[in-house]
Amino acid sequence: MPATMPPRTFTIRPSPGFAGTTSPIDWMRARRGPQEGAPLHSHGDRRAIADDSRRRQATARPTTKKARPTTDAGAGADPATVLALQRTAGNAAVTRLLEDGRPRDGATGQETVQRAVHGGTPGEVVQHAEEEATGGHGGIKDRVGGKIKEKPTNDVERGFYADMRAGKHPALEGVVPDSYTAEQVQTMDGEKGKGDDSTHIYIDNLTHDMKMPKVLDIKVGESTASKQELLTSMSKADAWKKKMKLKVADKVTGSADRGYRAVGGTGLKGKSRRAIGRESEQIVQGISADPSVYDLLVEQLTQVRTAAENSGLAFIAASVLIAVDEQPATESPAATAKLNLIDFAHTFGPEQLSEEQVKKYRTRFDKGMARLIADVKAAGAAKKEAGEEADA
């Protein structure tokens, strides 16, 4: 028979880490897992702890991913506007335009649009119209007792008025205000003024001698910017950016569809440019309560349209400035009604740009004038009808 093997013996040695602090039996119990009554640490518990850890990390490190703008953050919260821009400029162009003006400081969608259109900042009131219509121009000063307006402007407009004084645009005589040199104005009032012929123009004030003038500034044309014209004075990137901003402005104010928009006037202080533009037809209807005022204005507007057509020039962002004295000394308001074609900072002919560009913007200006004449005529007819019904 085989010899009986001696029984095996095992020596339990505690881990060096437990030496002197834990008995071998305690160490074995720890290896087997928790004993009855001890707190459990199952896989589920570990998942809960991991989930809890992720939640704490999410709270401590907020996501930096930004949502893409919706159509409500587009042109005046008007989906049709964004769609129209997409058709003309493409989706990428519209997206870039909106993203250029996208706030990084918590601005609202409306403020984003205002920034894109006007270059404003959050919280800023965007270009409110002045009490007296000046087309938004600043720095205008009365000279010669209010007879002449001193206005800072660019080389194009200064050159235009110099050409007018030299007799180079005879078709526009009578519809464009008379202009003067800085020296002539200084001789008249003895003041040097802030500018000179290299920085300013000096033109007749349409409301001079009116006791209570009511004025209205109307910008004519479905488009108030030409990229090709802008490229003559700025970089390609700046020209594109300004063109897109003004394209949005033309759309949200109604110019692109109507062909003109009101930009300022008596009684419009406090309203935004967007609101004034959208209310252009109603503003035109409120020029006067006297129907005969509209008859005279139709004649004068027709004269402006004919003169512009015969001039051979293209007018971008030019305005018709209308004035009526609501408290004339001896005449009726209709007798005081008058207007001028003004704002020639973006005027050009075939010498500056191609015949195609000239033709395109001449056509747009003419269409705007035609619509404005029709609306003024309709407003006058409505005033007459209302007066006849009141007398009946």
Protein backbone atom coordinates (compact mmCIF):
# COMPACT_ATOMS: atom_id res chain seq x y z
CA MET A 1 0.00 0.00 0.00
CA PRO A 2 1.19 3.41 -0.77
CA ALA A 3 2.49 5.36 2.07
CA THR A 4 0.05 7.73 3.61
CA MET A 5 0.76 11.25 2.49
CA PRO A 6 1.10 13.69 5.28
CA PRO A 7 -1.66 16.31 5.32
CA ARG A 8 -0.87 19.55 3.57
CA THR A 9 -0.53 22.59 5.63
CA PHE A 10 -1.02 26.19 4.53
CA THR A 11 0.55 29.22 6.00
CA ILE A 12 -1.42 32.38 5.70
CA ARG A 13 0.72 35.41 5.53
CA PRO A 14 -0.90 38.80 5.66
CA SER A 15 -0.25 41.27 2.94
CA PRO A 16 2.60 43.58 3.70
CA GLY A 17 0.09 46.42 3.47
CA PHE A 18 -1.88 44.93 6.33
CA ALA A 19 1.10 43.87 8.45
CA GLY A 20 0.76 44.99 12.00
CA THR A 21 -2.78 46.32 11.49
CA THR A 22 -4.99 43.49 10.26
CA SER A 23 -5.18 39.86 11.30
CA PRO A 24 -5.03 37.11 8.66
CA ILE A 25 -8.67 36.19 9.30
CA ASP A 26 -9.84 39.79 8.86
CA TRP A 27 -7.82 40.02 5.70
CA MET A 28 -9.48 36.88 4.27
CA ARG A 29 -12.92 38.21 5.15
CA ALA A 30 -12.12 41.41 3.31
CA ARG A 31 -11.09 39.41 0.25
CA ARG A 32 -14.37 37.41 0.29
CA GLY A 33 -16.43 40.62 0.18
CA PRO A 34 -18.74 42.42 2.54
CA GLN A 35 -20.29 40.50 5.38
CA GLU A 36 -23.89 40.50 6.40
CA GLY A 37 -24.97 43.95 7.52
CA ALA A 38 -22.06 45.69 5.81
CA PRO A 39 -22.78 48.43 3.19
CA LEU A 40 -23.06 47.06 -0.36
CA HIS A 41 -20.99 48.30 -3.31
CA SER A 42 -22.44 46.43 -6.28
CA HIS A 43 -22.04 47.21 -9.99
CA GLY A 44 -25.28 49.15 -9.85
CA ASP A 45 -23.88 51.30 -7.10
CA ARG A 46 -20.78 52.03 -9.14
CA ARG A 47 -22.92 53.08 -12.11
CA ALA A 48 -24.92 55.40 -9.89
CA ILE A 49 -21.73 56.94 -8.58
CA ALA A 50 -20.43 57.38 -12.15
CA ASP A 51 -23.72 58.96 -13.24
CA ASP A 52 -23.60 61.29 -10.29
CA SER A 53 -20.04 62.23 -11.18
CA ARG A 54 -21.01 63.02 -14.77
CA ARG A 55 -23.88 65.22 -13.59
CA ARG A 56 -21.50 67.18 -11.37
CA GLN A 57 -19.09 67.62 -14.25
CA ALA A 58 -21.88 68.83 -16.54
CA THR A 59 -22.90 71.39 -13.94
CA ALA A 60 -19.33 72.55 -13.45
CA ARG A 61 -18.55 72.70 -17.19
CA PRO A 62 -21.56 74.00 -19.17
CA THR A 63 -21.66 73.03 -22.82
CA THR A 64 -20.15 75.45 -25.29
CA LYS A 65 -22.12 74.17 -28.26
CA LYS A 66 -24.30 76.96 -29.68
CA ALA A 67 -27.61 76.46 -31.39
CA ARG A 68 -27.87 77.60 -34.97
CA PRO A 69 -30.09 80.62 -35.54
CA THR A 70 -33.70 80.00 -36.46
CA THR A 71 -35.60 81.95 -39.08
CA ASP A 72 -37.12 84.03 -36.29
CA ALA A 73 -33.65 85.42 -35.63
CA GLY A 74 -33.51 86.50 -39.24
CA ALA A 75 -34.76 89.60 -40.97
CA GLY A 76 -37.36 91.02 -38.62
CA ALA A 77 -38.59 87.57 -37.53
CA ASP A 78 -40.11 87.28 -41.00
CA PRO A 79 -39.54 83.85 -42.62
CA ALA A 80 -40.53 85.27 -46.01
CA THR A 81 -37.73 87.80 -45.74
CA VAL A 82 -35.12 85.15 -45.05
CA LEU A 83 -36.50 83.03 -47.89
CA ALA A 84 -36.25 85.96 -50.30
CA LEU A 85 -32.66 86.60 -49.25
CA GLN A 86 -31.83 82.93 -49.67
CA ARG A 87 -33.09 83.09 -53.24
CA THR A 88 -31.00 86.14 -54.08
CA ALA A 89 -27.87 85.63 -52.01
CA GLY A 90 -27.92 81.91 -51.25
CA ASN A 91 -28.26 80.03 -47.97
CA ALA A 92 -24.60 80.36 -47.08
CA ALA A 93 -24.63 84.13 -47.58
CA VAL A 94 -27.68 84.60 -45.39
CA THR A 95 -26.21 82.34 -42.71
CA ARG A 96 -22.95 84.27 -42.73
CA LEU A 97 -24.81 87.57 -42.52
CA LEU A 98 -26.82 86.46 -39.52
CA GLU A 99 -23.80 84.88 -37.86
CA ASP A 100 -21.77 88.07 -38.35
CA GLY A 101 -24.36 89.86 -36.27
CA ARG A 102 -25.01 86.98 -33.84
CA PRO A 103 -24.58 88.25 -30.29
CA ARG A 104 -22.04 86.71 -27.93
CA ASP A 105 -23.55 88.53 -24.97
CA GLY A 106 -27.11 87.30 -24.61
CA ALA A 107 -28.76 89.73 -27.04
CA THR A 108 -32.25 88.86 -28.25
CA GLY A 109 -33.13 87.77 -31.77
CA GLN A 110 -34.55 91.21 -32.56
CA GLU A 111 -31.34 92.88 -31.39
CA THR A 112 -29.42 90.49 -33.63
CA VAL A 113 -31.44 91.64 -36.63
CA GLN A 114 -31.00 95.28 -35.70
CA ARG A 115 -27.25 94.74 -35.43
CA ALA A 116 -27.13 93.01 -38.81
CA VAL A 117 -29.13 95.75 -40.49
CA HIS A 118 -27.81 98.85 -38.78
CA GLY A 119 -24.56 97.84 -37.17
CA GLY A 120 -25.93 98.60 -33.70
CA THR A 121 -25.10 97.07 -30.35
CA PRO A 122 -27.37 95.28 -27.86
CA GLY A 123 -29.58 97.69 -25.94
CA GLU A 124 -28.96 100.48 -28.43
CA VAL A 125 -31.94 102.24 -30.00
CA VAL A 126 -31.30 101.73 -33.69
CA GLN A 127 -31.38 104.89 -35.80
CA HIS A 128 -34.48 106.74 -34.78
CA ALA A 129 -35.66 109.33 -37.31
CA GLU A 130 -35.04 112.98 -36.56
CA GLU A 131 -37.89 115.45 -36.06
CA GLU A 132 -36.79 117.23 -39.21
CA ALA A 133 -36.16 114.82 -42.05
CA THR A 134 -32.48 114.70 -42.87
CA GLY A 135 -32.17 111.15 -44.12
CA GLY A 136 -30.32 110.15 -40.97
CA HIS A 137 -27.37 112.46 -41.66
CA GLY A 138 -25.61 114.00 -38.71
CA GLY A 139 -23.61 117.21 -38.42
CA ILE A 140 -25.98 119.36 -40.48
CA LYS A 141 -25.80 123.03 -39.55
CA ASP A 142 -27.85 126.10 -40.45
CA ARG A 143 -25.98 128.90 -42.19
CA VAL A 144 -26.95 132.38 -43.36
CA GLY A 145 -29.81 132.65 -40.87
CA GLY A 146 -31.21 129.24 -41.80
CA LYS A 147 -31.30 129.87 -45.55
CA ILE A 148 -28.52 127.37 -46.25
CA LYS A 149 -27.71 123.94 -44.85
CA GLU A 150 -24.08 122.97 -44.27
CA LYS A 151 -23.72 119.20 -44.57
CA PRO A 152 -20.68 116.91 -44.31
CA THR A 153 -20.58 114.37 -47.13
CA ASN A 154 -18.37 112.31 -49.44
CA ASP A 155 -16.43 113.15 -52.59
CA VAL A 156 -19.18 111.87 -54.88
CA GLU A 157 -21.85 114.25 -53.60
CA ARG A 158 -19.45 117.19 -53.43
CA GLY A 159 -18.46 116.48 -57.03
CA PHE A 160 -22.10 116.23 -58.08
CA TYR A 161 -22.96 119.69 -56.71
CA ALA A 162 -19.79 121.16 -58.22
CA ASP A 163 -20.93 119.75 -61.58
CA MET A 164 -24.39 121.25 -61.06
CA ARG A 165 -22.85 124.70 -60.46
CA ALA A 166 -20.79 124.22 -63.61
CA GLY A 167 -23.95 123.47 -65.62
CA LYS A 168 -23.08 119.82 -66.38
CA HIS A 169 -26.53 118.42 -65.50
CA PRO A 170 -29.04 120.88 -67.00
CA ALA A 171 -31.89 118.34 -66.88
CA LEU A 172 -31.82 118.49 -63.08
CA GLU A 173 -32.09 122.27 -62.80
CA GLY A 174 -35.12 123.19 -60.71
CA VAL A 175 -35.46 119.82 -58.95
CA VAL A 176 -32.08 119.80 -57.16
CA PRO A 177 -31.46 122.49 -54.51
CA ASP A 178 -29.09 125.31 -55.42
CA SER A 179 -25.64 124.96 -53.91
CA TYR A 180 -22.80 127.28 -52.96
CA THR A 181 -19.10 127.17 -52.22
CA ALA A 182 -17.79 127.54 -48.68
CA GLU A 183 -16.34 130.92 -49.61
CA GLN A 184 -19.69 132.18 -50.90
CA VAL A 185 -21.43 131.11 -47.71
CA GLN A 186 -18.76 132.72 -45.53
CA THR A 187 -19.20 135.96 -47.45
CA MET A 188 -22.95 135.80 -46.79
CA ASP A 189 -22.85 135.18 -43.05
CA GLY A 190 -19.27 136.05 -42.06
CA GLU A 191 -18.71 132.66 -40.44
CA LYS A 192 -15.98 130.23 -41.40
CA GLY A 193 -17.89 127.14 -40.32
CA LYS A 194 -16.50 123.72 -39.46
CA GLY A 195 -15.84 122.52 -42.98
CA ASP A 196 -14.95 123.64 -46.47
CA ASP A 197 -15.47 122.49 -50.05
CA SER A 198 -13.27 119.44 -49.48
CA THR A 199 -15.50 118.12 -46.69
CA HIS A 200 -18.96 119.76 -46.92
CA ILE A 201 -21.71 120.92 -49.25
CA TYR A 202 -23.82 124.05 -48.86
CA ILE A 203 -27.38 123.83 -50.23
CA ASP A 204 -30.62 125.79 -49.99
CA ASN A 205 -32.86 124.93 -47.03
CA LEU A 206 -36.24 123.83 -48.39
CA THR A 207 -38.10 124.94 -45.24
CA HIS A 208 -36.58 128.44 -45.00
CA ASP A 209 -39.24 131.08 -44.23
CA MET A 210 -41.86 128.45 -43.35
CA LYS A 211 -43.64 129.19 -40.07
CA MET A 212 -44.59 125.57 -39.23
CA PRO A 213 -42.98 123.26 -41.78
CA LYS A 214 -44.05 119.66 -42.06
CA VAL A 215 -41.32 117.66 -43.77
CA LEU A 216 -41.03 114.14 -45.12
CA ASP A 217 -37.89 112.43 -46.43
CA ILE A 218 -38.57 109.56 -48.85
CA LYS A 219 -35.75 107.36 -50.14
CA VAL A 220 -36.45 106.19 -53.68
CA GLY A 221 -35.49 102.88 -55.29
CA GLU A 222 -36.05 99.22 -54.50
CA SER A 223 -32.34 98.85 -53.73
CA THR A 224 -30.27 101.33 -51.75
CA ALA A 225 -26.85 99.81 -52.52
CA SER A 226 -24.86 98.59 -55.50
CA LYS A 227 -21.91 96.35 -54.80
CA GLN A 228 -20.15 97.60 -57.91
CA GLU A 229 -20.57 101.21 -56.81
CA LEU A 230 -19.40 100.38 -53.27
CA LEU A 231 -16.27 98.74 -54.68
CA THR A 232 -15.16 102.12 -55.98
CA SER A 233 -14.60 103.30 -52.41
CA MET A 234 -14.04 100.19 -50.23
CA SER A 235 -12.66 96.68 -50.14
CA LYS A 236 -14.50 93.70 -51.61
CA ALA A 237 -15.26 92.29 -48.15
CA ASP A 238 -16.58 95.60 -46.83
CA ALA A 239 -18.62 96.16 -50.00
CA TRP A 240 -20.22 92.71 -49.70
CA LYS A 241 -21.01 93.23 -46.03
CA LYS A 242 -22.59 96.65 -46.57
CA LYS A 243 -24.52 95.43 -49.59
CA MET A 244 -25.99 92.54 -47.59
CA LYS A 245 -26.90 94.77 -44.64
CA LEU A 246 -28.70 97.20 -46.93
CA LYS A 247 -30.38 94.33 -48.78
CA VAL A 248 -31.88 93.21 -45.47
CA ALA A 249 -32.89 96.82 -44.68
CA ASP A 250 -34.55 97.20 -48.09
CA LYS A 251 -36.51 94.03 -47.49
CA VAL A 252 -37.69 94.60 -43.93
CA THR A 253 -38.65 98.25 -44.57
CA GLY A 254 -40.61 97.45 -47.72
CA SER A 255 -38.38 99.26 -50.23
CA ALA A 256 -37.62 96.08 -52.14
CA ASP A 257 -41.31 95.53 -52.86
CA ARG A 258 -42.69 99.06 -52.81
CA GLY A 259 -39.84 100.88 -54.55
CA TYR A 260 -39.51 103.60 -51.92
CA ARG A 261 -39.65 104.13 -48.17
CA ALA A 262 -40.08 107.00 -45.75
CA VAL A 263 -36.93 107.51 -43.67
CA GLY A 264 -37.78 110.50 -41.51
CA GLY A 265 -40.02 113.48 -41.04
CA THR A 266 -42.08 115.66 -38.75
CA GLY A 267 -43.95 113.67 -36.13
CA LEU A 268 -41.90 110.49 -36.64
CA LYS A 269 -39.43 110.99 -33.82
CA GLY A 270 -39.13 107.93 -31.60
CA LYS A 271 -40.01 105.40 -34.29
CA SER A 272 -37.44 103.00 -35.67
CA ARG A 273 -36.40 103.11 -39.31
CA ARG A 274 -37.98 99.71 -39.80
CA ALA A 275 -41.36 100.86 -38.47
CA ILE A 276 -41.28 104.07 -40.50
CA GLY A 277 -40.42 102.16 -43.66
CA ARG A 278 -43.23 99.65 -43.20
CA GLU A 279 -45.75 102.47 -42.62
CA SER A 280 -44.66 104.48 -45.68
CA GLU A 281 -48.04 104.45 -47.44
CA GLN A 282 -49.85 105.64 -44.32
CA ILE A 283 -47.21 108.33 -43.73
CA VAL A 284 -47.65 109.57 -47.31
CA GLN A 285 -51.40 109.76 -46.72
CA GLY A 286 -50.76 112.01 -43.73
CA ILE A 287 -48.71 114.69 -45.47
CA SER A 288 -51.64 117.11 -45.35
CA ALA A 289 -55.38 117.28 -44.79
CA ASP A 290 -55.71 119.48 -47.88
CA PRO A 291 -56.37 117.43 -51.06
CA SER A 292 -54.91 120.18 -53.26
CA VAL A 293 -51.51 119.65 -51.60
CA TYR A 294 -51.38 116.19 -53.18
CA ASP A 295 -52.29 117.55 -56.61
CA LEU A 296 -49.34 119.94 -56.50
CA LEU A 297 -46.99 117.26 -55.18
CA VAL A 298 -47.96 114.90 -58.02
CA GLU A 299 -46.95 117.59 -60.52
CA GLN A 300 -43.63 118.18 -58.81
CA LEU A 301 -42.86 114.47 -58.40
CA THR A 302 -43.57 113.95 -62.10
CA GLN A 303 -41.10 116.74 -62.85
CA VAL A 304 -38.46 114.97 -60.72
CA ARG A 305 -39.09 111.67 -62.49
CA THR A 306 -38.73 113.27 -65.92
CA ALA A 307 -35.59 115.18 -64.91
CA ALA A 308 -33.94 112.05 -63.53
CA GLU A 309 -34.78 110.13 -66.70
CA ASN A 310 -33.27 112.87 -68.89
CA SER A 311 -30.14 113.27 -66.76
CA GLY A 312 -28.54 110.00 -67.84
CA LEU A 313 -27.47 109.38 -64.22
CA ALA A 314 -28.23 106.51 -61.87
CA PHE A 315 -29.37 107.46 -58.36
CA ILE A 316 -28.89 105.02 -55.49
CA ALA A 317 -30.34 105.98 -52.08
CA ALA A 318 -31.35 109.42 -53.34
CA SER A 319 -34.32 111.02 -51.58
CA VAL A 320 -37.26 113.24 -52.31
CA LEU A 321 -37.59 115.83 -49.54
CA ILE A 322 -41.13 117.25 -49.23
CA ALA A 323 -42.09 120.32 -47.19
CA VAL A 324 -45.48 121.93 -46.51
CA ASP A 325 -46.14 124.94 -44.28
CA GLU A 326 -49.05 124.04 -42.02
CA GLN A 327 -49.47 127.67 -40.89
CA PRO A 328 -48.74 129.81 -43.94
CA ALA A 329 -48.82 133.56 -43.43
CA THR A 330 -51.09 134.48 -46.37
CA GLU A 331 -51.30 131.46 -48.67
CA SER A 332 -52.98 128.07 -48.44
CA PRO A 333 -50.88 125.07 -47.44
CA ALA A 334 -51.07 123.84 -51.04
CA ALA A 335 -49.34 126.98 -52.27
CA THR A 336 -46.39 126.31 -49.96
CA ALA A 337 -45.90 122.65 -50.87
CA LYS A 338 -42.54 122.01 -52.51
CA LEU A 339 -39.91 119.33 -52.83
CA ASN A 340 -36.33 118.66 -53.90
CA LEU A 341 -34.36 115.65 -55.04
CA ILE A 342 -31.46 115.29 -52.56
CA ASP A 343 -28.75 112.86 -51.33
CA PHE A 344 -26.32 112.17 -54.17
CA ALA A 345 -23.57 110.34 -52.30
CA HIS A 346 -24.10 107.26 -54.52
CA THR A 347 -24.84 108.82 -57.90
CA PHE A 348 -23.00 107.71 -61.02
CA GLY A 349 -23.08 107.66 -64.80
CA PRO A 350 -21.50 105.55 -67.56
CA GLU A 351 -18.18 107.28 -66.93
CA GLN A 352 -17.96 105.62 -63.51
CA LEU A 353 -19.64 102.22 -64.02
CA SER A 354 -20.83 100.03 -66.86
CA GLU A 355 -23.88 100.89 -68.93
CA GLU A 356 -25.54 97.76 -67.56
CA GLN A 357 -25.18 99.00 -63.97
CA VAL A 358 -26.39 102.48 -64.90
CA LYS A 359 -29.44 101.09 -66.69
CA LYS A 360 -30.32 98.72 -63.83
CA TYR A 361 -30.37 101.41 -61.16
CA ARG A 362 -32.00 104.01 -63.38
CA THR A 363 -34.82 101.55 -63.94
CA ARG A 364 -35.15 100.84 -60.21
CA PHE A 365 -35.26 104.55 -59.37
CA ASP A 366 -37.88 105.18 -62.07
CA LYS A 367 -40.09 102.36 -60.81
CA GLY A 368 -39.88 103.76 -57.30
CA MET A 369 -40.85 107.23 -58.51
CA ALA A 370 -43.79 105.78 -60.46
CA ARG A 371 -45.07 103.98 -57.35
CA LEU A 372 -44.59 107.06 -55.16
CA ILE A 373 -46.50 109.24 -57.63
CA ALA A 374 -49.32 106.70 -57.75
CA ASP A 375 -49.54 106.56 -53.95
CA VAL A 376 -49.55 110.36 -53.59
CA LYS A 377 -52.25 110.61 -56.26
CA ALA A 378 -54.34 107.95 -54.51
CA ALA A 379 -53.95 109.74 -51.16
CA GLY A 380 -55.18 112.99 -52.70
CA ALA A 381 -58.19 111.25 -54.27
CA ALA A 382 -59.08 109.70 -50.90
CA LYS A 383 -58.90 113.13 -49.21
CA LYS A 384 -61.21 114.60 -51.84
CA GLU A 385 -63.70 111.77 -51.49
CA ALA A 386 -63.72 112.09 -47.71
CA GLY A 387 -64.29 115.85 -48.00
CA GLU A 388 -67.18 115.39 -50.44
CA GLU A 389 -68.83 112.86 -48.15
CA ALA A 390 -68.47 115.24 -45.20
CA ASP A 391 -70.11 118.05 -47.19
CA ALA A 392 -72.97 115.86 -48.43
